């Protein structure tokens, strides 16, 4: 009810000689500008949200790649140590066999 009273007061004041209502073309122009601005802001919001999501996804993918590379590197180091230990064990066995045959 209060809203209707406010609306009637505004209409009464705007119909006086001291205030002329804006023309229809001006209102339409403002209306179309408002629709365009609203739509444009929505599109910009969607684009920024998409970019943020892509940045987050690429960071996560980069972290996964780094973890996989670290695992591969660690695996190679373990294999290298294991191979070195095998080599040293074989060398010590060969030395022991050669000493027995002398």
PDB file of N, CA and C in Angstrom:
ATOM      1  N   UNK A   1       0.816  -1.185   0.000  1.00  0.00           N
ATOM      2  CA  UNK A   1       0.000   0.000   0.000  1.00  0.00           C
ATOM      3  C   UNK A   1       0.865   1.257   0.000  1.00  0.00           C
ATOM      4  N   UNK A   2       1.914   1.236   0.813  1.00  0.00           N
ATOM      5  CA  UNK A   2       2.791   2.400   0.895  1.00  0.00           C
ATOM      6  C   UNK A   2       3.453   2.671  -0.455  1.00  0.00           C
ATOM      7  N   UNK A   3       3.768   1.609  -1.171  1.00  0.00           N
ATOM      8  CA  UNK A   3       4.384   1.758  -2.485  1.00  0.00           C
ATOM      9  C   UNK A   3       3.438   2.463  -3.450  1.00  0.00           C
ATOM     10  N   UNK A   4       2.158   2.125  -3.403  1.00  0.00           N
ATOM     11  CA  UNK A   4       1.182   2.769  -4.279  1.00  0.00           C
ATOM     12  C   UNK A   4       1.053   4.262  -3.951  1.00  0.00           C
ATOM     13  N   UNK A   5       1.081   4.579  -2.692  1.00  0.00           N
ATOM     14  CA  UNK A   5       0.988   5.987  -2.292  1.00  0.00           C
ATOM     15  C   UNK A   5       2.193   6.752  -2.820  1.00  0.00           C
ATOM     16  N   UNK A   6       3.371   6.161  -2.671  1.00  0.00           N
ATOM     17  CA  UNK A   6       4.593   6.800  -3.179  1.00  0.00           C
ATOM     18  C   UNK A   6       4.503   6.997  -4.686  1.00  0.00           C
ATOM     19  N   UNK A   7       3.998   5.976  -5.398  1.00  0.00           N
ATOM     20  CA  UNK A   7       3.876   6.052  -6.847  1.00  0.00           C
ATOM     21  C   UNK A   7       2.914   7.169  -7.248  1.00  0.00           C
ATOM     22  N   UNK A   8       1.786   7.300  -6.551  1.00  0.00           N
ATOM     23  CA  UNK A   8       0.822   8.360  -6.871  1.00  0.00           C
ATOM     24  C   UNK A   8       1.407   9.739  -6.599  1.00  0.00           C
ATOM     25  N   UNK A   9       2.166   9.883  -5.523  1.00  0.00           N
ATOM     26  CA  UNK A   9       2.792  11.169  -5.219  1.00  0.00           C
ATOM     27  C   UNK A   9       3.786  11.545  -6.308  1.00  0.00           C
ATOM     28  N   UNK A  10       4.568  10.593  -6.746  1.00  0.00           N
ATOM     29  CA  UNK A  10       5.547  10.861  -7.805  1.00  0.00           C
ATOM     30  C   UNK A  10       4.850  11.257  -9.090  1.00  0.00           C
ATOM     31  N   UNK A  11       3.768  10.550  -9.436  1.00  0.00           N
ATOM     32  CA  UNK A  11       3.020  10.906 -10.647  1.00  0.00           C
ATOM     33  C   UNK A  11       2.406  12.307 -10.543  1.00  0.00           C
ATOM     34  N   UNK A  12       1.915  12.629  -9.390  1.00  0.00           N
ATOM     35  CA  UNK A  12       1.305  13.944  -9.195  1.00  0.00           C
ATOM     36  C   UNK A  12       2.349  15.044  -9.330  1.00  0.00           C
ATOM     37  N   UNK A  13       3.511  14.828  -8.730  1.00  0.00           N
ATOM     38  CA  UNK A  13       4.559  15.839  -8.810  1.00  0.00           C
ATOM     39  C   UNK A  13       5.121  15.969 -10.219  1.00  0.00           C
ATOM     40  N   UNK A  14       5.215  14.863 -10.912  1.00  0.00           N
ATOM     41  CA  UNK A  14       5.792  14.916 -12.252  1.00  0.00           C
ATOM     42  C   UNK A  14       4.827  15.485 -13.280  1.00  0.00           C
ATOM     43  N   UNK A  15       3.541  15.496 -12.974  1.00  0.00           N
ATOM     44  CA  UNK A  15       2.586  16.031 -13.946  1.00  0.00           C
ATOM     45  C   UNK A  15       2.459  17.551 -13.866  1.00  0.00           C
ATOM     46  N   UNK A  16       3.113  18.170 -12.906  1.00  0.00           N
ATOM     47  CA  UNK A  16       3.053  19.627 -12.756  1.00  0.00           C
ATOM     48  C   UNK A  16       3.799  20.335 -13.865  1.00  0.00           C
ATOM     49  N   UNK A  17       3.652  21.630 -13.943  1.00  0.00           N
ATOM     50  CA  UNK A  17       4.277  22.416 -15.009  1.00  0.00           C
ATOM     51  C   UNK A  17       5.779  22.574 -14.815  1.00  0.00           C
ATOM     52  N   UNK A  18       6.258  22.403 -13.570  1.00  0.00           N
ATOM     53  CA  UNK A  18       7.683  22.601 -13.311  1.00  0.00           C
ATOM     54  C   UNK A  18       8.539  21.388 -13.714  1.00  0.00           C
ATOM     55  N   UNK A  19       7.908  20.267 -13.984  1.00  0.00           N
ATOM     56  CA  UNK A  19       8.668  19.056 -14.303  1.00  0.00           C
ATOM     57  C   UNK A  19       8.043  18.392 -15.510  1.00  0.00           C
ATOM     58  N   UNK A  20       8.809  18.220 -16.572  1.00  0.00           N
ATOM     59  CA  UNK A  20       8.259  17.557 -17.750  1.00  0.00           C
ATOM     60  C   UNK A  20       8.754  16.117 -17.801  1.00  0.00           C
ATOM     61  N   UNK A  21       7.872  15.165 -18.127  1.00  0.00           N
ATOM     62  CA  UNK A  21       8.283  13.767 -18.185  1.00  0.00           C
ATOM     63  C   UNK A  21       9.221  13.536 -19.371  1.00  0.00           C
ATOM     64  N   UNK A  22      10.162  12.606 -19.229  1.00  0.00           N
ATOM     65  CA  UNK A  22      11.072  12.347 -20.350  1.00  0.00           C
ATOM     66  C   UNK A  22      10.318  11.763 -21.536  1.00  0.00           C
ATOM     67  N   UNK A  23      10.805  12.025 -22.689  1.00  0.00           N
ATOM     68  CA  UNK A  23      10.136  11.532 -23.889  1.00  0.00           C
ATOM     69  C   UNK A  23      10.257  10.018 -23.967  1.00  0.00           C
ATOM     70  N   UNK A  24       9.396   9.431 -24.781  1.00  0.00           N
ATOM     71  CA  UNK A  24       9.360   7.970 -24.915  1.00  0.00           C
ATOM     72  C   UNK A  24      10.657   7.433 -25.519  1.00  0.00           C
ATOM     73  N   UNK A  25      11.210   8.141 -26.493  1.00  0.00           N
ATOM     74  CA  UNK A  25      12.444   7.664 -27.125  1.00  0.00           C
ATOM     75  C   UNK A  25      13.615   7.693 -26.141  1.00  0.00           C
ATOM     76  N   UNK A  26      13.632   8.705 -25.270  1.00  0.00           N
ATOM     77  CA  UNK A  26      14.685   8.781 -24.264  1.00  0.00           C
ATOM     78  C   UNK A  26      14.564   7.619 -23.273  1.00  0.00           C
ATOM     79  N   UNK A  27      13.328   7.327 -22.868  1.00  0.00           N
ATOM     80  CA  UNK A  27      13.112   6.188 -21.960  1.00  0.00           C
ATOM     81  C   UNK A  27      13.517   4.878 -22.609  1.00  0.00           C
ATOM     82  N   UNK A  28      13.158   4.712 -23.883  1.00  0.00           N
ATOM     83  CA  UNK A  28      13.519   3.475 -24.584  1.00  0.00           C
ATOM     84  C   UNK A  28      15.037   3.341 -24.711  1.00  0.00           C
ATOM     85  N   UNK A  29      15.693   4.465 -24.982  1.00  0.00           N
ATOM     86  CA  UNK A  29      17.146   4.449 -25.093  1.00  0.00           C
ATOM     87  C   UNK A  29      17.781   4.049 -23.759  1.00  0.00           C
ATOM     88  N   UNK A  30      17.289   4.618 -22.686  1.00  0.00           N
ATOM     89  CA  UNK A  30      17.802   4.265 -21.362  1.00  0.00           C
ATOM     90  C   UNK A  30      17.523   2.807 -21.043  1.00  0.00           C
ATOM     91  N   UNK A  31      16.338   2.362 -21.406  1.00  0.00           N
ATOM     92  CA  UNK A  31      15.959   0.968 -21.148  1.00  0.00           C
ATOM     93  C   UNK A  31      16.866   0.011 -21.914  1.00  0.00           C
ATOM     94  N   UNK A  32      17.097   0.297 -23.194  1.00  0.00           N
ATOM     95  CA  UNK A  32      17.963  -0.578 -23.981  1.00  0.00           C
ATOM     96  C   UNK A  32      19.404  -0.506 -23.487  1.00  0.00           C
ATOM     97  N   UNK A  33      19.845   0.670 -23.069  1.00  0.00           N
ATOM     98  CA  UNK A  33      21.187   0.791 -22.487  1.00  0.00           C
ATOM     99  C   UNK A  33      21.305  -0.044 -21.218  1.00  0.00           C
ATOM    100  N   UNK A  34      20.268  -0.005 -20.402  1.00  0.00           N
ATOM    101  CA  UNK A  34      20.294  -0.779 -19.158  1.00  0.00           C
ATOM    102  C   UNK A  34      20.330  -2.274 -19.451  1.00  0.00           C
ATOM    103  N   UNK A  35      19.542  -2.715 -20.425  1.00  0.00           N
ATOM    104  CA  UNK A  35      19.543  -4.144 -20.794  1.00  0.00           C
ATOM    105  C   UNK A  35      20.916  -4.543 -21.322  1.00  0.00           C
ATOM    106  N   UNK A  36      21.476  -3.717 -22.198  1.00  0.00           N
ATOM    107  CA  UNK A  36      22.799  -4.021 -22.747  1.00  0.00           C
ATOM    108  C   UNK A  36      23.850  -4.080 -21.641  1.00  0.00           C
ATOM    109  N   UNK A  37      23.832  -3.074 -20.752  1.00  0.00           N
ATOM    110  CA  UNK A  37      24.824  -3.029 -19.672  1.00  0.00           C
ATOM    111  C   UNK A  37      24.697  -4.247 -18.767  1.00  0.00           C
ATOM    112  N   UNK A  38      23.479  -4.617 -18.441  1.00  0.00           N
ATOM    113  CA  UNK A  38      23.255  -5.777 -17.588  1.00  0.00           C
ATOM    114  C   UNK A  38      23.766  -7.055 -18.266  1.00  0.00           C
ATOM    115  N   UNK A  39      23.430  -7.225 -19.532  1.00  0.00           N
ATOM    116  CA  UNK A  39      23.884  -8.408 -20.263  1.00  0.00           C
ATOM    117  C   UNK A  39      25.404  -8.425 -20.400  1.00  0.00           C
ATOM    118  N   UNK A  40      25.970  -7.264 -20.671  1.00  0.00           N
ATOM    119  CA  UNK A  40      27.424  -7.164 -20.818  1.00  0.00           C
ATOM    120  C   UNK A  40      28.134  -7.522 -19.516  1.00  0.00           C
ATOM    121  N   UNK A  41      27.604  -7.053 -18.386  1.00  0.00           N
ATOM    122  CA  UNK A  41      28.200  -7.393 -17.088  1.00  0.00           C
ATOM    123  C   UNK A  41      28.109  -8.886 -16.809  1.00  0.00           C
ATOM    124  N   UNK A  42      26.985  -9.490 -17.196  1.00  0.00           N
ATOM    125  CA  UNK A  42      26.847 -10.942 -17.004  1.00  0.00           C
ATOM    126  C   UNK A  42      27.896 -11.697 -17.820  1.00  0.00           C
ATOM    127  N   UNK A  43      28.064 -11.281 -19.076  1.00  0.00           N
ATOM    128  CA  UNK A  43      29.049 -11.940 -19.935  1.00  0.00           C
ATOM    129  C   UNK A  43      30.457 -11.765 -19.381  1.00  0.00           C
ATOM    130  N   UNK A  44      30.785 -10.550 -18.933  1.00  0.00           N
ATOM    131  CA  UNK A  44      32.112 -10.316 -18.350  1.00  0.00           C
ATOM    132  C   UNK A  44      32.314 -11.155 -17.090  1.00  0.00           C
ATOM    133  N   UNK A  45      31.268 -11.278 -16.287  1.00  0.00           N
ATOM    134  CA  UNK A  45      31.349 -12.112 -15.089  1.00  0.00           C
ATOM    135  C   UNK A  45      31.587 -13.570 -15.438  1.00  0.00           C
ATOM    136  N   UNK A  46      30.893 -14.063 -16.464  1.00  0.00           N
ATOM    137  CA  UNK A  46      31.087 -15.451 -16.896  1.00  0.00           C
ATOM    138  C   UNK A  46      32.491 -15.663 -17.437  1.00  0.00           C
ATOM    139  N   UNK A  47      32.992 -14.694 -18.198  1.00  0.00           N
ATOM    140  CA  UNK A  47      34.341 -14.822 -18.751  1.00  0.00           C
ATOM    141  C   UNK A  47      35.394 -14.825 -17.650  1.00  0.00           C
ATOM    142  N   UNK A  48      35.232 -13.954 -16.673  1.00  0.00           N
ATOM    143  CA  UNK A  48      36.225 -13.922 -15.597  1.00  0.00           C
ATOM    144  C   UNK A  48      36.138 -15.188 -14.750  1.00  0.00           C
ATOM    145  N   UNK A  49      34.931 -15.707 -14.544  1.00  0.00           N
ATOM    146  CA  UNK A  49      34.786 -16.965 -13.797  1.00  0.00           C
ATOM    147  C   UNK A  49      35.422 -18.112 -14.565  1.00  0.00           C
ATOM    148  N   UNK A  50      35.237 -18.135 -15.886  1.00  0.00           N
ATOM    149  CA  UNK A  50      35.830 -19.193 -16.719  1.00  0.00           C
ATOM    150  C   UNK A  50      37.355 -19.114 -16.678  1.00  0.00           C
ATOM    151  N   UNK A  51      37.892 -17.894 -16.755  1.00  0.00           N
ATOM    152  CA  UNK A  51      39.351 -17.726 -16.710  1.00  0.00           C
ATOM    153  C   UNK A  51      39.909 -18.170 -15.362  1.00  0.00           C
ATOM    154  N   UNK A  52      39.225 -17.804 -14.287  1.00  0.00           N
ATOM    155  CA  UNK A  52      39.651 -18.229 -12.957  1.00  0.00           C
ATOM    156  C   UNK A  52      39.644 -19.740 -12.844  1.00  0.00           C
ATOM    157  N   UNK A  53      38.591 -20.376 -13.360  1.00  0.00           N
ATOM    158  CA  UNK A  53      38.497 -21.829 -13.316  1.00  0.00           C
ATOM    159  C   UNK A  53      39.610 -22.472 -14.138  1.00  0.00           C
ATOM    160  N   UNK A  54      39.901 -21.915 -15.303  1.00  0.00           N
ATOM    161  CA  UNK A  54      40.983 -22.454 -16.127  1.00  0.00           C
ATOM    162  C   UNK A  54      42.332 -22.300 -15.431  1.00  0.00           C
ATOM    163  N   UNK A  55      42.557 -21.173 -14.768  1.00  0.00           N
ATOM    164  CA  UNK A  55      43.807 -20.970 -14.025  1.00  0.00           C
ATOM    165  C   UNK A  55      43.948 -21.997 -12.909  1.00  0.00           C
ATOM    166  N   UNK A  56      42.869 -22.224 -12.177  1.00  0.00           N
ATOM    167  CA  UNK A  56      42.907 -23.209 -11.093  1.00  0.00           C
ATOM    168  C   UNK A  56      43.184 -24.604 -11.643  1.00  0.00           C
ATOM    169  N   UNK A  57      42.508 -24.951 -12.744  1.00  0.00           N
ATOM    170  CA  UNK A  57      42.700 -26.275 -13.348  1.00  0.00           C
ATOM    171  C   UNK A  57      44.134 -26.445 -13.851  1.00  0.00           C
ATOM    172  N   UNK A  58      44.693 -25.405 -14.457  1.00  0.00           N
ATOM    173  CA  UNK A  58      46.059 -25.523 -14.976  1.00  0.00           C
ATOM    174  C   UNK A  58      47.063 -25.639 -13.833  1.00  0.00           C
ATOM    175  N   UNK A  59      46.812 -24.930 -12.723  1.00  0.00           N
ATOM    176  CA  UNK A  59      47.696 -25.060 -11.558  1.00  0.00           C
ATOM    177  C   UNK A  59      47.655 -26.473 -11.004  1.00  0.00           C
ATOM    178  N   UNK A  60      46.439 -27.032 -10.899  1.00  0.00           N
ATOM    179  CA  UNK A  60      46.308 -28.392 -10.383  1.00  0.00           C
ATOM    180  C   UNK A  60      46.995 -29.381 -11.319  1.00  0.00           C
ATOM    181  N   UNK A  61      46.827 -29.178 -12.624  1.00  0.00           N
ATOM    182  CA  UNK A  61      47.469 -30.068 -13.592  1.00  0.00           C
ATOM    183  C   UNK A  61      48.982 -29.957 -13.493  1.00  0.00           C
ATOM    184  N   UNK A  62      49.474 -28.724 -13.311  1.00  0.00           N
ATOM    185  CA  UNK A  62      50.913 -28.529 -13.162  1.00  0.00           C
ATOM    186  C   UNK A  62      51.446 -29.214 -11.917  1.00  0.00           C
ATOM    187  N   UNK A  63      50.685 -29.135 -10.826  1.00  0.00           N
ATOM    188  CA  UNK A  63      51.103 -29.808  -9.593  1.00  0.00           C
ATOM    189  C   UNK A  63      51.113 -31.314  -9.780  1.00  0.00           C
ATOM    190  N   UNK A  64      50.109 -31.844 -10.496  1.00  0.00           N
ATOM    191  CA  UNK A  64      50.075 -33.294 -10.755  1.00  0.00           C
ATOM    192  C   UNK A  64      51.277 -33.706 -11.601  1.00  0.00           C
ATOM    193  N   UNK A  65      51.595 -32.901 -12.606  1.00  0.00           N
ATOM    194  CA  UNK A  65      52.744 -33.214 -13.446  1.00  0.00           C
ATOM    195  C   UNK A  65      54.035 -33.193 -12.632  1.00  0.00           C
ATOM    196  N   UNK A  66      54.170 -32.217 -11.737  1.00  0.00           N
ATOM    197  CA  UNK A  66      55.367 -32.138 -10.900  1.00  0.00           C
ATOM    198  C   UNK A  66      55.460 -33.343  -9.982  1.00  0.00           C
ATOM    199  N   UNK A  67      54.312 -33.781  -9.418  1.00  0.00           N
ATOM    200  CA  UNK A  67      54.317 -34.953  -8.550  1.00  0.00           C
ATOM    201  C   UNK A  67      54.727 -36.198  -9.335  1.00  0.00           C
ATOM    202  N   UNK A  68      54.188 -36.339 -10.547  1.00  0.00           N
ATOM    203  CA  UNK A  68      54.538 -37.499 -11.373  1.00  0.00           C
ATOM    204  C   UNK A  68      56.014 -37.472 -11.734  1.00  0.00           C
ATOM    205  N   UNK A  69      56.533 -36.302 -12.086  1.00  0.00           N
ATOM    206  CA  UNK A  69      57.955 -36.194 -12.416  1.00  0.00           C
ATOM    207  C   UNK A  69      58.821 -36.531 -11.209  1.00  0.00           C
ATOM    208  N   UNK A  70      58.395 -36.091 -10.028  1.00  0.00           N
ATOM    209  CA  UNK A  70      59.148 -36.393  -8.811  1.00  0.00           C
ATOM    210  C   UNK A  70      59.140 -37.892  -8.537  1.00  0.00           C
ATOM    211  N   UNK A  71      57.996 -38.530  -8.758  1.00  0.00           N
ATOM    212  CA  UNK A  71      57.920 -39.989  -8.566  1.00  0.00           C
ATOM    213  C   UNK A  71      58.826 -40.721  -9.540  1.00  0.00           C
ATOM    214  N   UNK A  72      58.803 -40.287 -10.789  1.00  0.00           N
ATOM    215  CA  UNK A  72      59.650 -40.924 -11.805  1.00  0.00           C
ATOM    216  C   UNK A  72      61.117 -40.726 -11.447  1.00  0.00           C
ATOM    217  N   UNK A  73      61.470 -39.497 -11.044  1.00  0.00           N
ATOM    218  CA  UNK A  73      62.845 -39.204 -10.665  1.00  0.00           C
ATOM    219  C   UNK A  73      63.277 -40.065  -9.473  1.00  0.00           C
ATOM    220  N   UNK A  74      62.409 -40.164  -8.475  1.00  0.00           N
ATOM    221  CA  UNK A  74      62.711 -40.980  -7.298  1.00  0.00           C
ATOM    222  C   UNK A  74      62.854 -42.448  -7.687  1.00  0.00           C
ATOM    223  N   UNK A  75      61.972 -42.910  -8.561  1.00  0.00           N
ATOM    224  CA  UNK A  75      62.063 -44.291  -9.029  1.00  0.00           C
ATOM    225  C   UNK A  75      63.382 -44.551  -9.745  1.00  0.00           C
ATOM    226  N   UNK A  76      63.806 -43.618 -10.554  1.00  0.00           N
ATOM    227  CA  UNK A  76      65.085 -43.768 -11.260  1.00  0.00           C
ATOM    228  C   UNK A  76      66.251 -43.791 -10.276  1.00  0.00           C
ATOM    229  N   UNK A  77      66.172 -42.930  -9.260  1.00  0.00           N
ATOM    230  CA  UNK A  77      67.242 -42.899  -8.266  1.00  0.00           C
ATOM    231  C   UNK A  77      67.303 -44.217  -7.501  1.00  0.00           C
ATOM    232  N   UNK A  78      66.143 -44.744  -7.139  1.00  0.00           N
ATOM    233  CA  UNK A  78      66.104 -46.033  -6.420  1.00  0.00           C
ATOM    234  C   UNK A  78      66.653 -47.139  -7.301  1.00  0.00           C
ATOM    235  N   UNK A  79      66.240 -47.148  -8.574  1.00  0.00           N
ATOM    236  CA  UNK A  79      66.741 -48.160  -9.500  1.00  0.00           C
ATOM    237  C   UNK A  79      68.256 -48.035  -9.662  1.00  0.00           C
ATOM    238  N   UNK A  80      68.750 -46.822  -9.729  1.00  0.00           N
ATOM    239  CA  UNK A  80      70.182 -46.612  -9.875  1.00  0.00           C
ATOM    240  C   UNK A  80      70.935 -47.110  -8.638  1.00  0.00           C
ATOM    241  N   UNK A  81      70.415 -46.787  -7.454  1.00  0.00           N
ATOM    242  CA  UNK A  81      71.048 -47.273  -6.222  1.00  0.00           C
ATOM    243  C   UNK A  81      71.015 -48.793  -6.158  1.00  0.00           C
ATOM    244  N   UNK A  82      69.884 -49.359  -6.526  1.00  0.00           N
ATOM    245  CA  UNK A  82      69.736 -50.816  -6.511  1.00  0.00           C
ATOM    246  C   UNK A  82      70.723 -51.463  -7.483  1.00  0.00           C
ATOM    247  N   UNK A  83      70.861 -50.871  -8.661  1.00  0.00           N
ATOM    248  CA  UNK A  83      71.792 -51.404  -9.648  1.00  0.00           C
ATOM    249  C   UNK A  83      73.235 -51.296  -9.135  1.00  0.00           C
ATOM    250  N   UNK A  84      73.560 -50.169  -8.489  1.00  0.00           N
ATOM    251  CA  UNK A  84      74.901 -49.996  -7.923  1.00  0.00           C
ATOM    252  C   UNK A  84      75.174 -51.040  -6.845  1.00  0.00           C
ATOM    253  N   UNK A  85      74.181 -51.295  -6.001  1.00  0.00           N
ATOM    254  CA  UNK A  85      74.358 -52.297  -4.946  1.00  0.00           C
ATOM    255  C   UNK A  85      74.547 -53.682  -5.542  1.00  0.00           C
ATOM    256  N   UNK A  86      73.782 -53.997  -6.576  1.00  0.00           N
ATOM    257  CA  UNK A  86      73.932 -55.288  -7.247  1.00  0.00           C
ATOM    258  C   UNK A  86      75.332 -55.410  -7.847  1.00  0.00           C
ATOM    259  N   UNK A  87      75.764 -54.335  -8.485  1.00  0.00           N
ATOM    260  CA  UNK A  87      77.081 -54.338  -9.110  1.00  0.00           C
ATOM    261  C   UNK A  87      78.173 -54.537  -8.072  1.00  0.00           C
ATOM    262  N   UNK A  88      78.066 -53.825  -6.934  1.00  0.00           N
ATOM    263  CA  UNK A  88      79.068 -53.968  -5.880  1.00  0.00           C
ATOM    264  C   UNK A  88      79.043 -55.387  -5.291  1.00  0.00           C
ATOM    265  N   UNK A  89      77.834 -55.953  -5.131  1.00  0.00           N
ATOM    266  CA  UNK A  89      77.726 -57.316  -4.600  1.00  0.00           C
ATOM    267  C   UNK A  89      78.355 -58.310  -5.568  1.00  0.00           C
ATOM    268  N   UNK A  90      78.092 -58.151  -6.859  1.00  0.00           N
ATOM    269  CA  UNK A  90      78.681 -59.051  -7.849  1.00  0.00           C
ATOM    270  C   UNK A  90      80.199 -58.916  -7.884  1.00  0.00           C
ATOM    271  N   UNK A  91      80.681 -57.686  -7.782  1.00  0.00           N
ATOM    272  CA  UNK A  91      82.126 -57.485  -7.771  1.00  0.00           C
ATOM    273  C   UNK A  91      82.770 -58.140  -6.559  1.00  0.00           C
ATOM    274  N   UNK A  92      82.134 -58.002  -5.407  1.00  0.00           N
ATOM    275  CA  UNK A  92      82.712 -58.624  -4.215  1.00  0.00           C
ATOM    276  C   UNK A  92      82.677 -60.145  -4.326  1.00  0.00           C
ATOM    277  N   UNK A  93      81.632 -60.708  -4.934  1.00  0.00           N
ATOM    278  CA  UNK A  93      81.563 -62.164  -5.137  1.00  0.00           C
ATOM    279  C   UNK A  93      82.654 -62.600  -6.110  1.00  0.00           C
ATOM    280  N   UNK A  94      82.835 -61.852  -7.178  1.00  0.00           N
ATOM    281  CA  UNK A  94      83.875 -62.208  -8.158  1.00  0.00           C
ATOM    282  C   UNK A  94      85.264 -62.122  -7.529  1.00  0.00           C
ATOM    283  N   UNK A  95      85.512 -61.106  -6.719  1.00  0.00           N
ATOM    284  CA  UNK A  95      86.806 -60.969  -6.048  1.00  0.00           C
ATOM    285  C   UNK A  95      87.034 -62.158  -5.122  1.00  0.00           C
ATOM    286  N   UNK A  96      85.995 -62.535  -4.385  1.00  0.00           N
ATOM    287  CA  UNK A  96      86.113 -63.670  -3.463  1.00  0.00           C
ATOM    288  C   UNK A  96      86.378 -64.953  -4.229  1.00  0.00           C
ATOM    289  N   UNK A  97      85.711 -65.144  -5.361  1.00  0.00           N
ATOM    290  CA  UNK A  97      85.933 -66.361  -6.177  1.00  0.00           C
ATOM    291  C   UNK A  97      87.340 -66.378  -6.752  1.00  0.00           C
ATOM    292  N   UNK A  98      87.814 -65.228  -7.206  1.00  0.00           N
ATOM    293  CA  UNK A  98      89.144 -65.167  -7.772  1.00  0.00           C
ATOM    294  C   UNK A  98      90.204 -65.432  -6.688  1.00  0.00           C
ATOM    295  N   UNK A  99      89.976 -64.977  -5.493  1.00  0.00           N
ATOM    296  CA  UNK A  99      90.944 -65.226  -4.403  1.00  0.00           C
ATOM    297  C   UNK A  99      90.975 -66.706  -4.021  1.00  0.00           C
ATOM    298  N   UNK A 100      89.840 -67.388  -4.123  1.00  0.00           N
ATOM    299  CA  UNK A 100      89.798 -68.814  -3.807  1.00  0.00           C
ATOM    300  C   UNK A 100      90.543 -69.612  -4.850  1.00  0.00           C
ATOM    301  N   UNK A 101      90.478 -69.202  -6.115  1.00  0.00           N
ATOM    302  CA  UNK A 101      91.142 -69.944  -7.205  1.00  0.00           C
ATOM    303  C   UNK A 101      92.618 -69.684  -7.235  1.00  0.00           C
ATOM    304  N   UNK A 102      93.163 -68.748  -6.567  1.00  0.00           N
ATOM    305  CA  UNK A 102      94.584 -68.453  -6.599  1.00  0.00           C
ATOM    306  C   UNK A 102      95.304 -69.281  -5.649  1.00  0.00           C
TER     307      UNK A 102
END
